[in-house]
Amino acid sequence: MLKRGIYVIGFSYPVVPKDRARIRVQVSAAHSKADLQRCIDAFAQVGR
């Protein structure tokens, strides 16, 4: 995600239960709908 200009934090065991890893993003009122769509698109591309 960082290569796509989006900073995220990954969490895995022991912070969360085993096999339940999470990715945290921070959204603020300063983000536009276009910013959010770019993030969603990046997640879709990386998840493939």
PDB file of N, CA and C in Angstrom:
ATOM      1  N   MET A   1       0.824  -1.182   0.000  1.00  0.00           N
ATOM      2  CA  MET A   1       0.000   0.000   0.000  1.00  0.00           C
ATOM      3  C   MET A   1       0.875   1.256   0.000  1.00  0.00           C
ATOM      4  N   LEU A   2       1.979   1.194   0.712  1.00  0.00           N
ATOM      5  CA  LEU A   2       2.850   2.370   0.767  1.00  0.00           C
ATOM      6  C   LEU A   2       3.368   2.734  -0.621  1.00  0.00           C
ATOM      7  N   LYS A   3       3.626   1.731  -1.448  1.00  0.00           N
ATOM      8  CA  LYS A   3       4.056   1.996  -2.825  1.00  0.00           C
ATOM      9  C   LYS A   3       2.981   2.741  -3.606  1.00  0.00           C
ATOM     10  N   ARG A   4       1.739   2.618  -3.157  1.00  0.00           N
ATOM     11  CA  ARG A   4       0.621   3.305  -3.796  1.00  0.00           C
ATOM     12  C   ARG A   4       0.286   4.625  -3.097  1.00  0.00           C
ATOM     13  N   GLY A   5       1.142   5.021  -2.147  1.00  0.00           N
ATOM     14  CA  GLY A   5       0.956   6.293  -1.462  1.00  0.00           C
ATOM     15  C   GLY A   5      -0.048   6.258  -0.327  1.00  0.00           C
ATOM     16  N   ILE A   6      -0.326   5.053   0.176  1.00  0.00           N
ATOM     17  CA  ILE A   6      -1.310   4.909   1.253  1.00  0.00           C
ATOM     18  C   ILE A   6      -0.630   4.240   2.439  1.00  0.00           C
ATOM     19  N   TYR A   7      -0.630   4.919   3.571  1.00  0.00           N
ATOM     20  CA  TYR A   7       0.015   4.404   4.773  1.00  0.00           C
ATOM     21  C   TYR A   7      -1.002   3.628   5.593  1.00  0.00           C
ATOM     22  N   VAL A   8      -0.697   2.373   5.880  1.00  0.00           N
ATOM     23  CA  VAL A   8      -1.548   1.529   6.714  1.00  0.00           C
ATOM     24  C   VAL A   8      -0.675   0.850   7.758  1.00  0.00           C
ATOM     25  N   ILE A   9      -1.303   0.353   8.791  1.00  0.00           N
ATOM     26  CA  ILE A   9      -0.622  -0.384   9.847  1.00  0.00           C
ATOM     27  C   ILE A   9      -1.218  -1.788   9.891  1.00  0.00           C
ATOM     28  N   GLY A  10      -0.355  -2.789   9.891  1.00  0.00           N
ATOM     29  CA  GLY A  10      -0.810  -4.170  10.004  1.00  0.00           C
ATOM     30  C   GLY A  10      -0.717  -4.655  11.440  1.00  0.00           C
ATOM     31  N   PHE A  11      -1.688  -5.439  11.857  1.00  0.00           N
ATOM     32  CA  PHE A  11      -1.699  -6.035  13.189  1.00  0.00           C
ATOM     33  C   PHE A  11      -1.860  -7.536  13.039  1.00  0.00           C
ATOM     34  N   SER A  12      -1.051  -8.272  13.762  1.00  0.00           N
ATOM     35  CA  SER A  12      -1.177  -9.729  13.743  1.00  0.00           C
ATOM     36  C   SER A  12      -0.991 -10.257  15.163  1.00  0.00           C
ATOM     37  N   TYR A  13      -1.084 -11.550  15.313  1.00  0.00           N
ATOM     38  CA  TYR A  13      -0.936 -12.193  16.612  1.00  0.00           C
ATOM     39  C   TYR A  13       0.380 -11.764  17.246  1.00  0.00           C
ATOM     40  N   PRO A  14       0.437 -11.415  18.509  1.00  0.00           N
ATOM     41  CA  PRO A  14      -0.557 -11.584  19.560  1.00  0.00           C
ATOM     42  C   PRO A  14      -1.454 -10.372  19.797  1.00  0.00           C
ATOM     43  N   VAL A  15      -1.353  -9.358  18.963  1.00  0.00           N
ATOM     44  CA  VAL A  15      -2.198  -8.171  19.135  1.00  0.00           C
ATOM     45  C   VAL A  15      -3.654  -8.508  18.846  1.00  0.00           C
ATOM     46  N   VAL A  16      -3.885  -9.364  17.869  1.00  0.00           N
ATOM     47  CA  VAL A  16      -5.227  -9.854  17.537  1.00  0.00           C
ATOM     48  C   VAL A  16      -5.170 -11.377  17.559  1.00  0.00           C
ATOM     49  N   PRO A  17      -6.316 -12.068  17.628  1.00  0.00           N
ATOM     50  CA  PRO A  17      -6.291 -13.529  17.658  1.00  0.00           C
ATOM     51  C   PRO A  17      -5.583 -14.122  16.435  1.00  0.00           C
ATOM     52  N   LYS A  18      -5.031 -15.317  16.621  1.00  0.00           N
ATOM     53  CA  LYS A  18      -4.369 -16.015  15.514  1.00  0.00           C
ATOM     54  C   LYS A  18      -5.314 -16.120  14.331  1.00  0.00           C
ATOM     55  N   ASP A  19      -4.744 -15.995  13.133  1.00  0.00           N
ATOM     56  CA  ASP A  19      -5.495 -16.084  11.875  1.00  0.00           C
ATOM     57  C   ASP A  19      -6.543 -14.981  11.724  1.00  0.00           C
ATOM     58  N   ARG A  20      -6.399 -13.876  12.440  1.00  0.00           N
ATOM     59  CA  ARG A  20      -7.357 -12.766  12.362  1.00  0.00           C
ATOM     60  C   ARG A  20      -6.625 -11.440  12.174  1.00  0.00           C
ATOM     61  N   ALA A  21      -5.600 -11.417  11.330  1.00  0.00           N
ATOM     62  CA  ALA A  21      -4.816 -10.202  11.107  1.00  0.00           C
ATOM     63  C   ALA A  21      -5.716  -9.060  10.647  1.00  0.00           C
ATOM     64  N   ARG A  22      -5.303  -7.860  10.952  1.00  0.00           N
ATOM     65  CA  ARG A  22      -6.085  -6.664  10.620  1.00  0.00           C
ATOM     66  C   ARG A  22      -5.183  -5.628   9.966  1.00  0.00           C
ATOM     67  N   ILE A  23      -5.790  -4.747   9.220  1.00  0.00           N
ATOM     68  CA  ILE A  23      -5.094  -3.594   8.660  1.00  0.00           C
ATOM     69  C   ILE A  23      -5.850  -2.354   9.115  1.00  0.00           C
ATOM     70  N   ARG A  24      -5.121  -1.420   9.696  1.00  0.00           N
ATOM     71  CA  ARG A  24      -5.745  -0.194  10.202  1.00  0.00           C
ATOM     72  C   ARG A  24      -5.458   0.964   9.256  1.00  0.00           C
ATOM     73  N   VAL A  25      -6.490   1.727   8.979  1.00  0.00           N
ATOM     74  CA  VAL A  25      -6.355   2.969   8.223  1.00  0.00           C
ATOM     75  C   VAL A  25      -6.973   4.080   9.065  1.00  0.00           C
ATOM     76  N   GLN A  26      -6.561   5.289   8.833  1.00  0.00           N
ATOM     77  CA  GLN A  26      -7.151   6.427   9.529  1.00  0.00           C
ATOM     78  C   GLN A  26      -7.792   7.338   8.502  1.00  0.00           C
ATOM     79  N   VAL A  27      -9.076   7.527   8.652  1.00  0.00           N
ATOM     80  CA  VAL A  27      -9.846   8.381   7.749  1.00  0.00           C
ATOM     81  C   VAL A  27     -10.220   9.641   8.514  1.00  0.00           C
ATOM     82  N   SER A  28     -10.109  10.769   7.851  1.00  0.00           N
ATOM     83  CA  SER A  28     -10.496  12.023   8.495  1.00  0.00           C
ATOM     84  C   SER A  28     -11.414  12.813   7.573  1.00  0.00           C
ATOM     85  N   ALA A  29     -12.006  13.846   8.125  1.00  0.00           N
ATOM     86  CA  ALA A  29     -12.893  14.706   7.343  1.00  0.00           C
ATOM     87  C   ALA A  29     -12.138  15.418   6.227  1.00  0.00           C
ATOM     88  N   ALA A  30     -10.821  15.477   6.334  1.00  0.00           N
ATOM     89  CA  ALA A  30     -10.012  16.129   5.298  1.00  0.00           C
ATOM     90  C   ALA A  30      -9.877  15.274   4.038  1.00  0.00           C
ATOM     91  N   HIS A  31     -10.183  13.972   4.144  1.00  0.00           N
ATOM     92  CA  HIS A  31     -10.115  13.103   2.969  1.00  0.00           C
ATOM     93  C   HIS A  31     -11.356  13.313   2.100  1.00  0.00           C
ATOM     94  N   SER A  32     -11.120  13.375   0.812  1.00  0.00           N
ATOM     95  CA  SER A  32     -12.239  13.531  -0.128  1.00  0.00           C
ATOM     96  C   SER A  32     -12.789  12.158  -0.504  1.00  0.00           C
ATOM     97  N   LYS A  33     -13.932  12.155  -1.156  1.00  0.00           N
ATOM     98  CA  LYS A  33     -14.483  10.894  -1.656  1.00  0.00           C
ATOM     99  C   LYS A  33     -13.516  10.255  -2.645  1.00  0.00           C
ATOM    100  N   ALA A  34     -12.821  11.076  -3.418  1.00  0.00           N
ATOM    101  CA  ALA A  34     -11.831  10.558  -4.371  1.00  0.00           C
ATOM    102  C   ALA A  34     -10.665   9.892  -3.633  1.00  0.00           C
ATOM    103  N   ASP A  35     -10.243  10.473  -2.506  1.00  0.00           N
ATOM    104  CA  ASP A  35      -9.182   9.862  -1.695  1.00  0.00           C
ATOM    105  C   ASP A  35      -9.617   8.484  -1.210  1.00  0.00           C
ATOM    106  N   LEU A  36     -10.839   8.410  -0.710  1.00  0.00           N
ATOM    107  CA  LEU A  36     -11.353   7.139  -0.202  1.00  0.00           C
ATOM    108  C   LEU A  36     -11.471   6.109  -1.316  1.00  0.00           C
ATOM    109  N   GLN A  37     -11.919   6.531  -2.483  1.00  0.00           N
ATOM    110  CA  GLN A  37     -12.042   5.602  -3.602  1.00  0.00           C
ATOM    111  C   GLN A  37     -10.672   5.100  -4.037  1.00  0.00           C
ATOM    112  N   ARG A  38      -9.673   5.974  -4.024  1.00  0.00           N
ATOM    113  CA  ARG A  38      -8.310   5.565  -4.382  1.00  0.00           C
ATOM    114  C   ARG A  38      -7.796   4.519  -3.397  1.00  0.00           C
ATOM    115  N   CYS A  39      -8.112   4.682  -2.124  1.00  0.00           N
ATOM    116  CA  CYS A  39      -7.719   3.716  -1.106  1.00  0.00           C
ATOM    117  C   CYS A  39      -8.426   2.374  -1.329  1.00  0.00           C
ATOM    118  N   ILE A  40      -9.715   2.418  -1.590  1.00  0.00           N
ATOM    119  CA  ILE A  40     -10.477   1.193  -1.856  1.00  0.00           C
ATOM    120  C   ILE A  40      -9.919   0.477  -3.077  1.00  0.00           C
ATOM    121  N   ASP A  41      -9.636   1.226  -4.122  1.00  0.00           N
ATOM    122  CA  ASP A  41      -9.074   0.637  -5.342  1.00  0.00           C
ATOM    123  C   ASP A  41      -7.715   0.000  -5.064  1.00  0.00           C
ATOM    124  N   ALA A  42      -6.893   0.661  -4.259  1.00  0.00           N
ATOM    125  CA  ALA A  42      -5.575   0.118  -3.925  1.00  0.00           C
ATOM    126  C   ALA A  42      -5.708  -1.182  -3.139  1.00  0.00           C
ATOM    127  N   PHE A  43      -6.639  -1.231  -2.181  1.00  0.00           N
ATOM    128  CA  PHE A  43      -6.873  -2.473  -1.441  1.00  0.00           C
ATOM    129  C   PHE A  43      -7.303  -3.587  -2.391  1.00  0.00           C
ATOM    130  N   ALA A  44      -8.162  -3.278  -3.322  1.00  0.00           N
ATOM    131  CA  ALA A  44      -8.631  -4.282  -4.281  1.00  0.00           C
ATOM    132  C   ALA A  44      -7.473  -4.804  -5.129  1.00  0.00           C
ATOM    133  N   GLN A  45      -6.586  -3.926  -5.564  1.00  0.00           N
ATOM    134  CA  GLN A  45      -5.446  -4.342  -6.385  1.00  0.00           C
ATOM    135  C   GLN A  45      -4.455  -5.174  -5.576  1.00  0.00           C
ATOM    136  N   VAL A  46      -4.147  -4.742  -4.378  1.00  0.00           N
ATOM    137  CA  VAL A  46      -3.173  -5.445  -3.544  1.00  0.00           C
ATOM    138  C   VAL A  46      -3.721  -6.800  -3.103  1.00  0.00           C
ATOM    139  N   GLY A  47      -5.014  -6.875  -2.887  1.00  0.00           N
ATOM    140  CA  GLY A  47      -5.629  -8.112  -2.420  1.00  0.00           C
ATOM    141  C   GLY A  47      -5.721  -9.208  -3.461  1.00  0.00           C
ATOM    142  N   ARG A  48      -5.416  -8.895  -4.697  1.00  0.00           N
ATOM    143  CA  ARG A  48      -5.521  -9.912  -5.753  1.00  0.00           C
ATOM    144  C   ARG A  48      -4.374 -10.870  -5.726  1.00  0.00           C
TER     145      ARG A  48
END
